[in-house]
């Protein structure tokens, strides 16, 4: 409440807190030089009252927006009370996720890829000791869990980054079954019953929507979900958006994905039943798409071969 009185919003988890506010580039001087300074002063005064101290060394300020908007920002930092200067950061680490000022997550995924391949190489060196089931448990606990952590943030990011995540999962699957680096993956993901990356992201988003609809989600997400004006027991309201950031938002994509689910899946009475049915639905959808793509590829090769023989 103390921070919200200054016009800023706040989110916190344990001892990590984020204070944020949206503004137009034309209002940057007032927002960054006056309102933000006032907010820091209020926070410092509150901390002094409770015998605490703000640590400028761990305080980061970041302006998030598309490149066209960021280029209009002329201010490069702020000066806190006590003549402490804080330069604006291009990225910041928050609860294990590196967030950049364009929300591309490229630096986070590149670091994740490097760490996961290092872990996979170390695990493969001891592959002869373990059975496939034991290896699957190890890879799940040290690699797959890292890919899945906060993966709902990856929805709508650059396709090349999604492919990088898929490369990690493919390497992890090969490590489990004992394939070499350049061996063809084949049906390994299907045999391990692992959803491909795109569908793992959809799974997480849809699970969050289900929790919000049943009062199990956080308040700030539940406030973004509401039923449509028609047939309210089935469809959710999809807000109109006018930017790529809007298309990626939970408020837009959560309802959009939910509305595409079959009715029997939406009607699951427990979260355990929903998770099982949702995975089955996405699993069938994922490998049906791969089968169709394979058939199209074979047909294209067949046509090209006929044309070659004709000439």
Protein backbone atom coordinates (compact mmCIF):
# COMPACT_ATOMS: atom_id res chain seq x y z
CA UNK A 1 0.00 0.00 0.00
CA UNK A 2 2.88 2.38 0.74
CA UNK A 3 4.31 1.90 -2.76
CA UNK A 4 0.93 1.93 -4.51
CA UNK A 5 0.23 5.39 -3.09
CA UNK A 6 3.09 6.70 -5.28
CA UNK A 7 1.38 5.41 -8.44
CA UNK A 8 3.55 2.30 -8.81
CA UNK A 9 2.54 -1.36 -8.56
CA UNK A 10 4.53 -4.01 -6.72
CA UNK A 11 5.01 -7.78 -6.91
CA UNK A 12 7.02 -9.68 -4.34
CA UNK A 13 8.18 -13.20 -3.60
CA UNK A 14 10.17 -13.86 -0.42
CA UNK A 15 12.80 -11.08 -0.32
CA UNK A 16 12.62 -10.26 -4.07
CA UNK A 17 10.32 -7.38 -4.98
CA UNK A 18 9.57 -5.71 -8.31
CA UNK A 19 8.14 -2.21 -8.52
CA UNK A 20 6.76 -1.29 -11.93
CA UNK A 21 4.80 1.37 -13.81
CA UNK A 22 3.81 1.90 -17.46
CA UNK A 23 4.43 5.28 -19.11
CA UNK A 24 4.65 6.95 -22.51
CA UNK A 25 8.09 8.01 -23.85
CA UNK A 26 6.90 11.61 -23.77
CA UNK A 27 6.44 11.34 -19.99
CA UNK A 28 9.88 9.86 -19.32
CA UNK A 29 11.29 12.93 -17.55
CA UNK A 30 8.41 13.15 -15.09
CA UNK A 31 8.18 9.39 -14.53
CA UNK A 32 11.90 8.61 -14.18
CA UNK A 33 13.23 11.79 -12.59
CA UNK A 34 10.36 12.70 -10.30
CA UNK A 35 7.90 9.84 -9.70
CA UNK A 36 10.52 7.09 -9.55
CA UNK A 37 12.74 9.16 -7.27
CA UNK A 38 9.76 9.80 -5.00
CA UNK A 39 8.98 6.07 -4.94
CA UNK A 40 12.57 5.24 -3.90
CA UNK A 41 12.39 7.86 -1.17
CA UNK A 42 9.14 6.37 0.17
CA UNK A 43 10.73 2.88 0.17
CA UNK A 44 13.84 4.14 1.98
CA UNK A 45 11.78 5.94 4.62
CA UNK A 46 9.69 2.82 5.20
CA UNK A 47 12.80 0.66 5.54
CA UNK A 48 14.37 3.10 8.03
CA UNK A 49 11.20 2.87 10.17
CA UNK A 50 11.71 -0.90 10.40
CA UNK A 51 15.50 -0.72 10.93
CA UNK A 52 16.26 -1.88 7.38
CA UNK A 53 18.42 -0.44 4.62
CA UNK A 54 18.00 -0.32 0.86
CA UNK A 55 20.96 -1.93 -0.93
CA UNK A 56 21.74 0.16 -4.07
CA UNK A 57 24.21 -2.48 -5.26
CA UNK A 58 21.40 -5.01 -5.68
CA UNK A 59 18.84 -2.52 -7.00
CA UNK A 60 18.30 -2.57 -10.76
CA UNK A 61 16.11 -0.37 -12.96
CA UNK A 62 15.04 -1.61 -16.39
CA UNK A 63 12.82 -0.09 -19.07
CA UNK A 64 10.95 -2.76 -21.05
CA UNK A 65 9.52 -2.17 -24.50
CA UNK A 66 9.96 -2.74 -28.25
CA UNK A 67 13.15 -1.36 -29.87
CA UNK A 68 11.28 1.60 -31.39
CA UNK A 69 10.13 2.75 -27.95
CA UNK A 70 13.46 2.10 -26.24
CA UNK A 71 15.23 4.29 -28.81
CA UNK A 72 13.07 7.21 -27.66
CA UNK A 73 14.31 6.96 -24.07
CA UNK A 74 17.01 9.61 -23.58
CA UNK A 75 17.56 9.12 -19.84
CA UNK A 76 20.23 6.54 -18.98
CA UNK A 77 19.86 6.28 -15.20
CA UNK A 78 18.65 7.85 -11.98
CA UNK A 79 20.28 9.28 -8.85
CA UNK A 80 18.94 7.97 -5.56
CA UNK A 81 18.84 9.97 -2.35
CA UNK A 82 22.42 10.04 -1.06
CA UNK A 83 23.86 10.72 -4.55
CA UNK A 84 23.89 7.03 -5.53
CA UNK A 85 23.66 6.61 -9.32
CA UNK A 86 21.88 3.59 -10.82
CA UNK A 87 22.23 3.03 -14.57
CA UNK A 88 19.38 1.37 -16.42
CA UNK A 89 20.01 -2.33 -17.05
CA UNK A 90 19.41 -4.15 -20.32
CA UNK A 91 18.63 -7.35 -18.40
CA UNK A 92 17.99 -8.45 -14.83
CA UNK A 93 17.81 -11.84 -13.13
CA UNK A 94 14.56 -12.46 -11.30
CA UNK A 95 13.78 -15.74 -9.52
CA UNK A 96 16.18 -17.64 -11.77
CA UNK A 97 15.01 -16.09 -15.05
CA UNK A 98 17.09 -13.51 -16.94
CA UNK A 99 14.62 -10.93 -18.24
CA UNK A 100 15.85 -8.55 -20.94
CA UNK A 101 14.38 -5.18 -21.84
CA UNK A 102 12.80 -6.55 -25.06
CA UNK A 103 11.35 -9.68 -23.40
CA UNK A 104 13.07 -11.82 -26.04
CA UNK A 105 14.68 -14.13 -23.43
CA UNK A 106 17.56 -14.78 -25.85
CA UNK A 107 20.29 -14.30 -23.23
CA UNK A 108 18.44 -16.56 -20.77
CA UNK A 109 17.90 -19.35 -23.31
CA UNK A 110 21.50 -19.20 -24.55
CA UNK A 111 22.76 -19.54 -20.97
CA UNK A 112 20.24 -22.32 -20.33
CA UNK A 113 21.40 -24.17 -23.44
CA UNK A 114 25.04 -23.93 -22.37
CA UNK A 115 24.33 -25.23 -18.86
CA UNK A 116 22.03 -28.06 -19.99
CA UNK A 117 24.46 -29.40 -22.60
CA UNK A 118 27.21 -29.37 -19.97
CA UNK A 119 24.99 -31.41 -17.63
CA UNK A 120 24.05 -33.82 -20.43
CA UNK A 121 27.70 -34.39 -21.36
CA UNK A 122 28.57 -35.14 -17.73
CA UNK A 123 25.63 -37.54 -17.42
CA UNK A 124 26.51 -39.38 -20.67
CA UNK A 125 30.02 -40.08 -19.35
CA UNK A 126 28.43 -42.27 -16.64
CA UNK A 127 25.76 -43.72 -18.97
CA UNK A 128 27.16 -47.27 -18.74
CA UNK A 129 26.41 -47.40 -15.00
CA UNK A 130 22.66 -46.77 -15.26
CA UNK A 131 19.65 -48.42 -16.86
CA UNK A 132 17.35 -46.46 -19.18
CA UNK A 133 14.83 -45.86 -16.37
CA UNK A 134 17.54 -44.59 -14.02
CA UNK A 135 18.98 -42.38 -16.77
CA UNK A 136 15.52 -40.97 -17.50
CA UNK A 137 15.10 -40.07 -13.83
CA UNK A 138 18.50 -38.33 -13.75
CA UNK A 139 17.91 -36.37 -16.97
CA UNK A 140 14.45 -35.35 -15.80
CA UNK A 141 15.82 -34.05 -12.52
CA UNK A 142 18.81 -32.09 -13.87
CA UNK A 143 17.81 -31.06 -17.43
CA UNK A 144 14.10 -31.32 -18.21
CA UNK A 145 13.11 -29.50 -15.03
CA UNK A 146 15.31 -26.58 -16.14
CA UNK A 147 13.59 -26.45 -19.53
CA UNK A 148 10.15 -26.49 -17.89
CA UNK A 149 10.94 -23.85 -15.26
CA UNK A 150 8.78 -20.76 -15.98
CA UNK A 151 8.39 -21.96 -19.58
CA UNK A 152 5.02 -20.18 -19.96
CA UNK A 153 7.11 -17.02 -20.45
CA UNK A 154 8.43 -18.47 -23.72
CA UNK A 155 5.08 -18.37 -25.51
CA UNK A 156 5.36 -16.31 -28.69
CA UNK A 157 9.13 -15.77 -28.58
CA UNK A 158 11.31 -16.09 -31.68
CA UNK A 159 11.01 -19.49 -33.38
CA UNK A 160 14.80 -19.85 -33.44
CA UNK A 161 14.88 -19.75 -29.64
CA UNK A 162 12.14 -22.39 -29.44
CA UNK A 163 14.29 -24.55 -31.73
CA UNK A 164 17.24 -24.06 -29.36
CA UNK A 165 15.12 -25.39 -26.50
CA UNK A 166 14.03 -28.30 -28.68
CA UNK A 167 17.68 -29.13 -29.37
CA UNK A 168 18.23 -29.41 -25.61
CA UNK A 169 15.27 -31.77 -25.23
CA UNK A 170 16.41 -33.86 -28.21
CA UNK A 171 19.89 -34.21 -26.72
CA UNK A 172 18.38 -35.17 -23.37
CA UNK A 173 16.23 -37.85 -25.04
CA UNK A 174 19.26 -39.28 -26.85
CA UNK A 175 21.16 -39.42 -23.55
CA UNK A 176 18.34 -41.41 -21.95
CA UNK A 177 18.15 -44.12 -24.63
CA UNK A 178 21.89 -44.22 -25.42
CA UNK A 179 21.90 -42.65 -28.88
CA UNK A 180 24.95 -40.80 -30.15
CA UNK A 181 25.06 -37.10 -30.98
CA UNK A 182 24.46 -37.49 -34.74
CA UNK A 183 22.02 -40.41 -34.53
CA UNK A 184 18.50 -39.82 -35.84
CA UNK A 185 16.04 -39.13 -33.00
CA UNK A 186 13.15 -40.97 -34.67
CA UNK A 187 10.26 -41.79 -32.32
CA UNK A 188 12.32 -41.37 -29.15
CA UNK A 189 10.29 -38.47 -27.73
CA UNK A 190 7.08 -40.41 -28.34
CA UNK A 191 8.48 -43.54 -26.70
CA UNK A 192 9.58 -41.53 -23.65
CA UNK A 193 6.13 -39.89 -23.61
CA UNK A 194 7.71 -36.42 -23.63
CA UNK A 195 5.79 -33.51 -25.09
CA UNK A 196 7.79 -31.37 -27.56
CA UNK A 197 8.75 -27.89 -26.33
CA UNK A 198 5.90 -25.98 -28.00
CA UNK A 199 3.32 -28.22 -26.40
CA UNK A 200 5.02 -28.16 -22.99
CA UNK A 201 4.60 -24.37 -23.06
CA UNK A 202 0.92 -24.72 -23.99
CA UNK A 203 0.48 -27.30 -21.21
CA UNK A 204 1.80 -24.87 -18.60
CA UNK A 205 -0.40 -22.00 -19.84
CA UNK A 206 -3.54 -24.13 -19.91
CA UNK A 207 -2.82 -25.49 -16.44
CA UNK A 208 -2.55 -21.90 -15.16
CA UNK A 209 -5.89 -21.04 -16.78
CA UNK A 210 -7.54 -24.07 -15.15
CA UNK A 211 -6.17 -23.05 -11.76
CA UNK A 212 -7.41 -19.48 -12.23
CA UNK A 213 -10.92 -20.66 -13.16
CA UNK A 214 -11.08 -22.86 -10.07
CA UNK A 215 -9.69 -20.35 -7.58
CA UNK A 216 -6.28 -22.01 -7.32
CA UNK A 217 -4.20 -19.40 -9.14
CA UNK A 218 -2.60 -16.16 -7.89
CA UNK A 219 -4.94 -13.16 -7.64
CA UNK A 220 -3.08 -11.06 -10.21
CA UNK A 221 -3.63 -13.81 -12.84
CA UNK A 222 -7.19 -14.65 -11.82
CA UNK A 223 -8.13 -10.99 -12.35
CA UNK A 224 -7.14 -11.33 -16.04
CA UNK A 225 -9.49 -14.25 -16.77
CA UNK A 226 -13.24 -13.88 -17.23
CA UNK A 227 -15.97 -15.69 -19.10
CA UNK A 228 -17.29 -14.33 -22.40
CA UNK A 229 -20.72 -12.73 -22.55
CA UNK A 230 -22.10 -15.71 -24.47
CA UNK A 231 -22.22 -19.34 -23.36
CA UNK A 232 -20.25 -18.43 -20.26
CA UNK A 233 -19.82 -22.02 -19.08
CA UNK A 234 -17.51 -22.80 -22.02
CA UNK A 235 -15.77 -19.77 -23.56
CA UNK A 236 -13.45 -17.17 -22.06
CA UNK A 237 -13.22 -13.56 -23.14
CA UNK A 238 -10.33 -12.82 -25.55
CA UNK A 239 -9.33 -9.13 -25.38
CA UNK A 240 -8.33 -7.27 -28.54
CA UNK A 241 -4.63 -6.48 -28.70
CA UNK A 242 -2.60 -4.42 -31.15
CA UNK A 243 1.01 -5.53 -30.61
CA UNK A 244 3.19 -8.62 -30.47
CA UNK A 245 3.59 -8.10 -26.71
CA UNK A 246 -0.19 -8.14 -26.36
CA UNK A 247 -0.44 -11.37 -28.37
CA UNK A 248 2.05 -13.01 -26.00
CA UNK A 249 0.28 -11.89 -22.84
CA UNK A 250 -1.44 -14.37 -20.53
CA UNK A 251 -4.63 -12.30 -20.73
CA UNK A 252 -4.79 -12.94 -24.50
CA UNK A 253 -3.23 -16.36 -25.05
CA UNK A 254 -4.63 -18.06 -21.96
CA UNK A 255 -8.28 -17.68 -23.07
CA UNK A 256 -7.39 -18.31 -26.72
CA UNK A 257 -5.78 -21.68 -25.95
CA UNK A 258 -8.54 -22.57 -23.49
CA UNK A 259 -11.30 -21.88 -26.04
CA UNK A 260 -9.63 -24.28 -28.48
CA UNK A 261 -9.88 -27.23 -26.05
CA UNK A 262 -12.65 -29.84 -26.42
CA UNK A 263 -15.60 -29.47 -24.06
CA UNK A 264 -14.95 -32.69 -22.12
CA UNK A 265 -11.43 -31.49 -21.26
CA UNK A 266 -12.70 -28.16 -19.89
CA UNK A 267 -15.22 -30.02 -17.73
CA UNK A 268 -12.67 -32.02 -15.70
CA UNK A 269 -13.66 -31.95 -12.03
CA UNK A 270 -10.18 -32.20 -10.48
CA UNK A 271 -6.77 -30.85 -11.32
CA UNK A 272 -5.28 -34.35 -11.38
CA UNK A 273 -7.83 -35.47 -13.98
CA UNK A 274 -7.30 -32.29 -16.01
CA UNK A 275 -3.50 -32.67 -16.07
CA UNK A 276 -3.74 -36.26 -17.27
CA UNK A 277 -6.38 -35.52 -19.93
CA UNK A 278 -4.55 -32.37 -21.10
CA UNK A 279 -1.26 -34.20 -21.59
CA UNK A 280 -3.00 -36.94 -23.57
CA UNK A 281 -4.74 -34.34 -25.74
CA UNK A 282 -1.55 -32.39 -26.46
CA UNK A 283 0.47 -35.59 -26.95
CA UNK A 284 -1.91 -36.85 -29.63
CA UNK A 285 -1.99 -33.40 -31.25
CA UNK A 286 1.82 -33.05 -31.25
CA UNK A 287 2.61 -36.38 -32.88
CA UNK A 288 -0.34 -36.19 -35.27
CA UNK A 289 1.16 -32.94 -36.63
CA UNK A 290 4.57 -34.61 -36.97
CA UNK A 291 3.00 -37.54 -38.86
CA UNK A 292 1.19 -35.18 -41.26
CA UNK A 293 4.42 -33.22 -41.83
CA UNK A 294 6.27 -36.47 -42.58
CA UNK A 295 3.61 -37.56 -45.09
CA UNK A 296 3.77 -34.17 -46.84
CA UNK A 297 7.57 -34.41 -47.00
CA UNK A 298 7.42 -37.90 -48.51
CA UNK A 299 4.88 -36.75 -51.11
CA UNK A 300 7.07 -33.75 -52.04
CA UNK A 301 10.11 -35.98 -52.46
CA UNK A 302 8.04 -38.40 -54.55
CA UNK A 303 6.86 -35.58 -56.86
CA UNK A 304 10.40 -34.22 -57.23
CA UNK A 305 11.65 -37.71 -58.07
CA UNK A 306 8.95 -38.11 -60.75
CA UNK A 307 9.88 -34.74 -62.26
CA UNK A 308 13.57 -35.70 -62.27
CA UNK A 309 12.84 -39.02 -64.03
CA UNK A 310 10.64 -37.24 -66.56
CA UNK A 311 13.41 -34.81 -67.55
